[in-house]
């Protein structure tokens, strides 16, 4: 294989991976959930595979019903169905319409939800209360890691969305606006719902909360170790 073939193959691989990013997120979350028995990734998989598609379908159904009754140019809310835009294999695209309603598309909805979920995870850990007896350096390290994770999630998410708009031309500006106003609240709501019983431990994708003792274990109560005798 020559250098040009290698570069071409690598480019195609990256483009296919970027196009199928929502599927990659779902599959990766499922694999990590199964092999690590990680509830946080199970909840993420359920959200990406079921909650987001259902919510996005609901939003698109309402939006299509409203906008098709107006005199707006269909090109303002229709996105192309092509090998570049679809998140699945382009085989069989000839059987589908040239354009579909996509405010937002499933790709955009999933990406906004995922990176919002990561950011909410980071901010939640950052704002989590610490025991007055906690080590100050440990608290600072936890807050720094949580804030860095949240900021990186926002920055990388914006880069992914920007690349999607610039490279593919598969999204509409209004689709992004609607995705932000629907998927960010969904991410916040899903995180809070999932964390209601686990105090962030069951939904922490960063693995920071699992390394923290619960507040009840940090009470100012003396402990002593004794040798067990029989």
C-alpha atoms as a PDB file:
ATOM      1  CA  UNK A   1       0.000   0.000   0.000  1.00  0.00           C
ATOM      2  CA  UNK A   2       1.411   3.358  -1.056  1.00  0.00           C
ATOM      3  CA  UNK A   3       1.437   6.540   0.996  1.00  0.00           C
ATOM      4  CA  UNK A   4      -1.386   8.095  -1.002  1.00  0.00           C
ATOM      5  CA  UNK A   5      -3.610   5.043  -0.460  1.00  0.00           C
ATOM      6  CA  UNK A   6      -2.811   5.085   3.253  1.00  0.00           C
ATOM      7  CA  UNK A   7      -3.667   8.785   3.568  1.00  0.00           C
ATOM      8  CA  UNK A   8      -6.852   8.325   1.563  1.00  0.00           C
ATOM      9  CA  UNK A   9      -7.910   5.336   3.660  1.00  0.00           C
ATOM     10  CA  UNK A  10      -7.168   7.163   6.910  1.00  0.00           C
ATOM     11  CA  UNK A  11      -9.165  10.182   5.753  1.00  0.00           C
ATOM     12  CA  UNK A  12     -12.127   7.995   4.826  1.00  0.00           C
ATOM     13  CA  UNK A  13     -11.909   6.209   8.168  1.00  0.00           C
ATOM     14  CA  UNK A  14     -11.966   9.494  10.090  1.00  0.00           C
ATOM     15  CA  UNK A  15     -14.839  10.860   8.014  1.00  0.00           C
ATOM     16  CA  UNK A  16     -16.861   7.680   8.554  1.00  0.00           C
ATOM     17  CA  UNK A  17     -16.125   7.751  12.275  1.00  0.00           C
ATOM     18  CA  UNK A  18     -17.140  11.397  12.548  1.00  0.00           C
ATOM     19  CA  UNK A  19     -20.336  10.737  10.610  1.00  0.00           C
ATOM     20  CA  UNK A  20     -21.211   7.743  12.785  1.00  0.00           C
ATOM     21  CA  UNK A  21     -20.199   9.419  16.051  1.00  0.00           C
ATOM     22  CA  UNK A  22     -23.587   8.890  17.773  1.00  0.00           C
ATOM     23  CA  UNK A  23     -23.462   5.168  17.025  1.00  0.00           C
ATOM     24  CA  UNK A  24     -19.865   4.991  18.257  1.00  0.00           C
ATOM     25  CA  UNK A  25     -20.900   6.699  21.506  1.00  0.00           C
ATOM     26  CA  UNK A  26     -23.751   4.254  22.048  1.00  0.00           C
ATOM     27  CA  UNK A  27     -21.671   1.148  21.255  1.00  0.00           C
ATOM     28  CA  UNK A  28     -18.718   2.315  23.367  1.00  0.00           C
ATOM     29  CA  UNK A  29     -20.997   3.096  26.313  1.00  0.00           C
ATOM     30  CA  UNK A  30     -22.606  -0.336  26.016  1.00  0.00           C
ATOM     31  CA  UNK A  31     -19.245  -2.140  25.885  1.00  0.00           C
ATOM     32  CA  UNK A  32     -17.856  -0.224  28.885  1.00  0.00           C
ATOM     33  CA  UNK A  33     -21.081  -0.806  30.788  1.00  0.00           C
ATOM     34  CA  UNK A  34     -20.961  -4.574  30.195  1.00  0.00           C
ATOM     35  CA  UNK A  35     -17.263  -5.249  30.726  1.00  0.00           C
ATOM     36  CA  UNK A  36     -16.809  -2.842  33.648  1.00  0.00           C
ATOM     37  CA  UNK A  37     -20.288  -3.310  35.148  1.00  0.00           C
ATOM     38  CA  UNK A  38     -20.425   0.469  35.207  1.00  0.00           C
ATOM     39  CA  UNK A  39     -23.870   1.885  35.928  1.00  0.00           C
ATOM     40  CA  UNK A  40     -22.825   5.344  34.739  1.00  0.00           C
ATOM     41  CA  UNK A  41     -22.232   4.042  31.222  1.00  0.00           C
ATOM     42  CA  UNK A  42     -25.409   1.949  31.329  1.00  0.00           C
ATOM     43  CA  UNK A  43     -27.378   5.117  32.009  1.00  0.00           C
ATOM     44  CA  UNK A  44     -25.489   6.944  29.255  1.00  0.00           C
ATOM     45  CA  UNK A  45     -26.221   4.126  26.791  1.00  0.00           C
ATOM     46  CA  UNK A  46     -29.929   4.158  27.662  1.00  0.00           C
ATOM     47  CA  UNK A  47     -30.013   7.915  27.110  1.00  0.00           C
ATOM     48  CA  UNK A  48     -28.214   7.861  23.753  1.00  0.00           C
ATOM     49  CA  UNK A  49     -29.958   4.749  22.420  1.00  0.00           C
ATOM     50  CA  UNK A  50     -33.496   5.475  23.604  1.00  0.00           C
ATOM     51  CA  UNK A  51     -34.134   8.772  25.398  1.00  0.00           C
ATOM     52  CA  UNK A  52     -32.470  11.096  22.874  1.00  0.00           C
ATOM     53  CA  UNK A  53     -34.011   9.452  19.757  1.00  0.00           C
ATOM     54  CA  UNK A  54     -37.481   9.539  21.321  1.00  0.00           C
ATOM     55  CA  UNK A  55     -37.104  13.160  22.402  1.00  0.00           C
ATOM     56  CA  UNK A  56     -35.641  14.179  19.047  1.00  0.00           C
ATOM     57  CA  UNK A  57     -38.441  12.427  17.149  1.00  0.00           C
ATOM     58  CA  UNK A  58     -41.011  14.206  19.311  1.00  0.00           C
ATOM     59  CA  UNK A  59     -39.372  17.608  18.716  1.00  0.00           C
ATOM     60  CA  UNK A  60     -39.083  17.004  14.972  1.00  0.00           C
ATOM     61  CA  UNK A  61     -42.675  15.805  14.683  1.00  0.00           C
ATOM     62  CA  UNK A  62     -44.002  18.942  16.341  1.00  0.00           C
ATOM     63  CA  UNK A  63     -41.643  21.193  14.392  1.00  0.00           C
ATOM     64  CA  UNK A  64     -42.521  19.604  11.057  1.00  0.00           C
ATOM     65  CA  UNK A  65     -46.231  19.870  11.759  1.00  0.00           C
ATOM     66  CA  UNK A  66     -45.907  23.582  12.526  1.00  0.00           C
ATOM     67  CA  UNK A  67     -43.407  24.649   9.860  1.00  0.00           C
ATOM     68  CA  UNK A  68     -45.028  22.788   6.980  1.00  0.00           C
ATOM     69  CA  UNK A  69     -48.161  24.856   7.627  1.00  0.00           C
ATOM     70  CA  UNK A  70     -46.243  28.069   7.004  1.00  0.00           C
ATOM     71  CA  UNK A  71     -44.936  29.659   3.812  1.00  0.00           C
ATOM     72  CA  UNK A  72     -41.293  29.191   4.790  1.00  0.00           C
ATOM     73  CA  UNK A  73     -38.879  27.842   2.200  1.00  0.00           C
ATOM     74  CA  UNK A  74     -38.512  24.081   2.882  1.00  0.00           C
ATOM     75  CA  UNK A  75     -34.752  24.437   2.438  1.00  0.00           C
ATOM     76  CA  UNK A  76     -34.663  26.291   5.771  1.00  0.00           C
ATOM     77  CA  UNK A  77     -35.658  23.181   7.718  1.00  0.00           C
ATOM     78  CA  UNK A  78     -34.898  20.281   5.372  1.00  0.00           C
ATOM     79  CA  UNK A  79     -31.512  18.536   5.531  1.00  0.00           C
ATOM     80  CA  UNK A  80     -30.084  16.305   2.769  1.00  0.00           C
ATOM     81  CA  UNK A  81     -30.088  12.535   3.040  1.00  0.00           C
ATOM     82  CA  UNK A  82     -26.703  11.632   1.633  1.00  0.00           C
ATOM     83  CA  UNK A  83     -23.714   9.433   2.378  1.00  0.00           C
ATOM     84  CA  UNK A  84     -22.070  12.407   4.112  1.00  0.00           C
ATOM     85  CA  UNK A  85     -25.019  13.251   6.349  1.00  0.00           C
ATOM     86  CA  UNK A  86     -26.406   9.857   7.311  1.00  0.00           C
ATOM     87  CA  UNK A  87     -24.989   8.215  10.432  1.00  0.00           C
ATOM     88  CA  UNK A  88     -25.505   4.718   9.042  1.00  0.00           C
ATOM     89  CA  UNK A  89     -24.178   2.944   5.970  1.00  0.00           C
ATOM     90  CA  UNK A  90     -25.072   4.821   2.759  1.00  0.00           C
ATOM     91  CA  UNK A  91     -26.372   1.598   1.216  1.00  0.00           C
ATOM     92  CA  UNK A  92     -30.042   1.835   0.393  1.00  0.00           C
ATOM     93  CA  UNK A  93     -30.170   5.625   0.389  1.00  0.00           C
ATOM     94  CA  UNK A  94     -31.789   5.524  -3.060  1.00  0.00           C
ATOM     95  CA  UNK A  95     -34.960   4.282  -1.386  1.00  0.00           C
ATOM     96  CA  UNK A  96     -35.153   7.335   0.857  1.00  0.00           C
ATOM     97  CA  UNK A  97     -36.265  10.895   0.025  1.00  0.00           C
ATOM     98  CA  UNK A  98     -33.609  13.402  -0.996  1.00  0.00           C
ATOM     99  CA  UNK A  99     -34.259  15.525   2.085  1.00  0.00           C
ATOM    100  CA  UNK A 100     -35.909  15.072   5.471  1.00  0.00           C
ATOM    101  CA  UNK A 101     -37.007  17.372   8.267  1.00  0.00           C
ATOM    102  CA  UNK A 102     -34.087  17.868  10.625  1.00  0.00           C
ATOM    103  CA  UNK A 103     -34.412  20.588  13.248  1.00  0.00           C
ATOM    104  CA  UNK A 104     -32.345  19.133  14.820  1.00  0.00           C
ATOM    105  CA  UNK A 105     -30.874  16.029  13.218  1.00  0.00           C
ATOM    106  CA  UNK A 106     -30.253  12.949  15.357  1.00  0.00           C
ATOM    107  CA  UNK A 107     -26.483  13.510  15.023  1.00  0.00           C
ATOM    108  CA  UNK A 108     -26.709  17.060  16.343  1.00  0.00           C
ATOM    109  CA  UNK A 109     -29.146  16.155  19.106  1.00  0.00           C
ATOM    110  CA  UNK A 110     -26.925  13.313  20.326  1.00  0.00           C
ATOM    111  CA  UNK A 111     -23.723  15.366  20.290  1.00  0.00           C
ATOM    112  CA  UNK A 112     -25.317  18.286  22.146  1.00  0.00           C
ATOM    113  CA  UNK A 113     -26.796  15.894  24.721  1.00  0.00           C
ATOM    114  CA  UNK A 114     -23.553  13.941  25.239  1.00  0.00           C
ATOM    115  CA  UNK A 115     -21.218  16.884  25.761  1.00  0.00           C
ATOM    116  CA  UNK A 116     -23.842  18.704  27.856  1.00  0.00           C
ATOM    117  CA  UNK A 117     -24.129  15.590  30.001  1.00  0.00           C
ATOM    118  CA  UNK A 118     -20.353  15.540  30.500  1.00  0.00           C
ATOM    119  CA  UNK A 119     -20.345  19.233  31.379  1.00  0.00           C
ATOM    120  CA  UNK A 120     -23.183  18.776  33.887  1.00  0.00           C
ATOM    121  CA  UNK A 121     -21.245  15.860  35.382  1.00  0.00           C
ATOM    122  CA  UNK A 122     -18.178  18.056  35.814  1.00  0.00           C
ATOM    123  CA  UNK A 123     -20.024  21.050  37.265  1.00  0.00           C
ATOM    124  CA  UNK A 124     -21.944  18.788  39.653  1.00  0.00           C
ATOM    125  CA  UNK A 125     -18.714  17.328  41.011  1.00  0.00           C
ATOM    126  CA  UNK A 126     -17.174  20.788  41.248  1.00  0.00           C
ATOM    127  CA  UNK A 127     -20.086  22.139  43.293  1.00  0.00           C
ATOM    128  CA  UNK A 128     -20.366  19.083  45.505  1.00  0.00           C
ATOM    129  CA  UNK A 129     -20.010  19.931  49.186  1.00  0.00           C
ATOM    130  CA  UNK A 130     -16.965  18.696  51.069  1.00  0.00           C
ATOM    131  CA  UNK A 131     -16.612  17.743  54.678  1.00  0.00           C
ATOM    132  CA  UNK A 132     -15.034  20.397  56.880  1.00  0.00           C
ATOM    133  CA  UNK A 133     -12.433  17.787  57.808  1.00  0.00           C
ATOM    134  CA  UNK A 134     -11.590  16.934  54.186  1.00  0.00           C
ATOM    135  CA  UNK A 135      -8.046  17.381  52.978  1.00  0.00           C
ATOM    136  CA  UNK A 136      -7.799  20.765  51.265  1.00  0.00           C
ATOM    137  CA  UNK A 137      -5.412  19.460  48.610  1.00  0.00           C
ATOM    138  CA  UNK A 138      -7.750  16.589  47.775  1.00  0.00           C
ATOM    139  CA  UNK A 139     -10.688  18.973  47.497  1.00  0.00           C
ATOM    140  CA  UNK A 140      -8.690  21.296  45.245  1.00  0.00           C
ATOM    141  CA  UNK A 141      -7.619  18.359  43.048  1.00  0.00           C
ATOM    142  CA  UNK A 142     -11.215  17.146  42.772  1.00  0.00           C
ATOM    143  CA  UNK A 143     -12.545  20.580  41.881  1.00  0.00           C
ATOM    144  CA  UNK A 144      -9.737  21.158  39.354  1.00  0.00           C
ATOM    145  CA  UNK A 145     -10.327  17.820  37.622  1.00  0.00           C
ATOM    146  CA  UNK A 146     -14.096  18.333  37.578  1.00  0.00           C
ATOM    147  CA  UNK A 147     -13.862  21.863  36.176  1.00  0.00           C
ATOM    148  CA  UNK A 148     -11.296  20.805  33.575  1.00  0.00           C
ATOM    149  CA  UNK A 149     -13.556  17.958  32.486  1.00  0.00           C
ATOM    150  CA  UNK A 150     -16.540  20.282  32.158  1.00  0.00           C
ATOM    151  CA  UNK A 151     -14.623  22.923  30.206  1.00  0.00           C
ATOM    152  CA  UNK A 152     -13.060  20.350  27.883  1.00  0.00           C
ATOM    153  CA  UNK A 153     -16.500  18.840  27.248  1.00  0.00           C
ATOM    154  CA  UNK A 154     -17.853  22.239  26.202  1.00  0.00           C
ATOM    155  CA  UNK A 155     -14.847  23.108  24.016  1.00  0.00           C
ATOM    156  CA  UNK A 156     -14.660  19.716  22.283  1.00  0.00           C
ATOM    157  CA  UNK A 157     -18.429  19.687  21.813  1.00  0.00           C
ATOM    158  CA  UNK A 158     -18.306  23.094  20.114  1.00  0.00           C
ATOM    159  CA  UNK A 159     -15.454  21.885  17.890  1.00  0.00           C
ATOM    160  CA  UNK A 160     -17.427  18.813  16.834  1.00  0.00           C
ATOM    161  CA  UNK A 161     -20.499  20.900  16.054  1.00  0.00           C
ATOM    162  CA  UNK A 162     -18.434  23.470  14.172  1.00  0.00           C
ATOM    163  CA  UNK A 163     -16.792  20.761  12.080  1.00  0.00           C
ATOM    164  CA  UNK A 164     -20.194  19.258  11.322  1.00  0.00           C
ATOM    165  CA  UNK A 165     -21.497  22.596  10.044  1.00  0.00           C
ATOM    166  CA  UNK A 166     -18.368  23.518   8.077  1.00  0.00           C
ATOM    167  CA  UNK A 167     -17.427  20.173   6.549  1.00  0.00           C
ATOM    168  CA  UNK A 168     -20.721  18.414   5.903  1.00  0.00           C
ATOM    169  CA  UNK A 169     -23.304  21.132   5.368  1.00  0.00           C
ATOM    170  CA  UNK A 170     -25.838  18.735   6.861  1.00  0.00           C
ATOM    171  CA  UNK A 171     -27.196  20.994   9.577  1.00  0.00           C
ATOM    172  CA  UNK A 172     -29.294  24.139   9.811  1.00  0.00           C
ATOM    173  CA  UNK A 173     -28.750  27.057  12.152  1.00  0.00           C
ATOM    174  CA  UNK A 174     -32.223  26.693  13.615  1.00  0.00           C
ATOM    175  CA  UNK A 175     -31.489  23.030  14.226  1.00  0.00           C
ATOM    176  CA  UNK A 176     -28.608  23.992  16.493  1.00  0.00           C
ATOM    177  CA  UNK A 177     -30.758  26.517  18.357  1.00  0.00           C
ATOM    178  CA  UNK A 178     -33.506  23.948  18.929  1.00  0.00           C
ATOM    179  CA  UNK A 179     -30.946  21.296  19.935  1.00  0.00           C
ATOM    180  CA  UNK A 180     -29.462  23.639  22.545  1.00  0.00           C
ATOM    181  CA  UNK A 181     -32.874  24.532  23.968  1.00  0.00           C
ATOM    182  CA  UNK A 182     -34.064  20.916  24.126  1.00  0.00           C
ATOM    183  CA  UNK A 183     -31.057  18.640  24.586  1.00  0.00           C
ATOM    184  CA  UNK A 184     -29.244  20.660  27.264  1.00  0.00           C
ATOM    185  CA  UNK A 185     -32.302  20.621  29.580  1.00  0.00           C
ATOM    186  CA  UNK A 186     -32.725  16.927  28.748  1.00  0.00           C
ATOM    187  CA  UNK A 187     -29.104  16.238  29.741  1.00  0.00           C
ATOM    188  CA  UNK A 188     -29.531  18.170  32.996  1.00  0.00           C
ATOM    189  CA  UNK A 189     -32.805  16.413  33.762  1.00  0.00           C
ATOM    190  CA  UNK A 190     -31.482  12.936  32.965  1.00  0.00           C
ATOM    191  CA  UNK A 191     -28.379  13.511  35.093  1.00  0.00           C
ATOM    192  CA  UNK A 192     -30.384  14.748  38.069  1.00  0.00           C
ATOM    193  CA  UNK A 193     -32.900  11.945  37.702  1.00  0.00           C
ATOM    194  CA  UNK A 194     -30.151   9.314  37.564  1.00  0.00           C
ATOM    195  CA  UNK A 195     -28.188  10.911  40.428  1.00  0.00           C
ATOM    196  CA  UNK A 196     -31.207  11.204  42.721  1.00  0.00           C
ATOM    197  CA  UNK A 197     -30.510   7.847  44.383  1.00  0.00           C
ATOM    198  CA  UNK A 198     -26.738   7.648  44.036  1.00  0.00           C
ATOM    199  CA  UNK A 199     -25.414  11.069  45.060  1.00  0.00           C
ATOM    200  CA  UNK A 200     -23.441  11.349  41.812  1.00  0.00           C
ATOM    201  CA  UNK A 201     -21.757   7.985  42.337  1.00  0.00           C
ATOM    202  CA  UNK A 202     -23.938   6.083  39.890  1.00  0.00           C
ATOM    203  CA  UNK A 203     -23.706   8.660  37.098  1.00  0.00           C
ATOM    204  CA  UNK A 204     -20.150   9.985  37.384  1.00  0.00           C
ATOM    205  CA  UNK A 205     -18.439   9.243  34.070  1.00  0.00           C
ATOM    206  CA  UNK A 206     -15.155  10.750  35.296  1.00  0.00           C
ATOM    207  CA  UNK A 207     -14.802   8.252  38.138  1.00  0.00           C
ATOM    208  CA  UNK A 208     -14.128  11.015  40.672  1.00  0.00           C
ATOM    209  CA  UNK A 209     -17.174  10.524  42.913  1.00  0.00           C
ATOM    210  CA  UNK A 210     -16.413   6.832  43.436  1.00  0.00           C
ATOM    211  CA  UNK A 211     -13.130   7.786  45.076  1.00  0.00           C
ATOM    212  CA  UNK A 212     -14.866  10.006  47.621  1.00  0.00           C
ATOM    213  CA  UNK A 213     -16.190   8.713  50.919  1.00  0.00           C
ATOM    214  CA  UNK A 214     -19.813   9.560  51.720  1.00  0.00           C
ATOM    215  CA  UNK A 215     -20.365  12.367  54.203  1.00  0.00           C
ATOM    216  CA  UNK A 216     -21.615   9.880  56.813  1.00  0.00           C
ATOM    217  CA  UNK A 217     -18.267   8.121  56.721  1.00  0.00           C
ATOM    218  CA  UNK A 218     -16.423  11.342  57.508  1.00  0.00           C
ATOM    219  CA  UNK A 219     -18.032  12.057  60.857  1.00  0.00           C
ATOM    220  CA  UNK A 220     -15.695  13.110  63.642  1.00  0.00           C
ATOM    221  CA  UNK A 221     -15.869   9.757  65.388  1.00  0.00           C
ATOM    222  CA  UNK A 222     -12.743   8.033  66.743  1.00  0.00           C
ATOM    223  CA  UNK A 223     -11.837   4.628  65.346  1.00  0.00           C
ATOM    224  CA  UNK A 224      -9.498   1.987  66.747  1.00  0.00           C
ATOM    225  CA  UNK A 225      -8.065  -1.166  65.205  1.00  0.00           C
ATOM    226  CA  UNK A 226      -7.882  -4.273  67.388  1.00  0.00           C
ATOM    227  CA  UNK A 227      -6.579  -7.727  66.794  1.00  0.00           C
ATOM    228  CA  UNK A 228      -9.319 -10.245  66.284  1.00  0.00           C
ATOM    229  CA  UNK A 229      -9.138 -13.214  68.629  1.00  0.00           C
ATOM    230  CA  UNK A 230     -10.945 -16.494  68.496  1.00  0.00           C
END
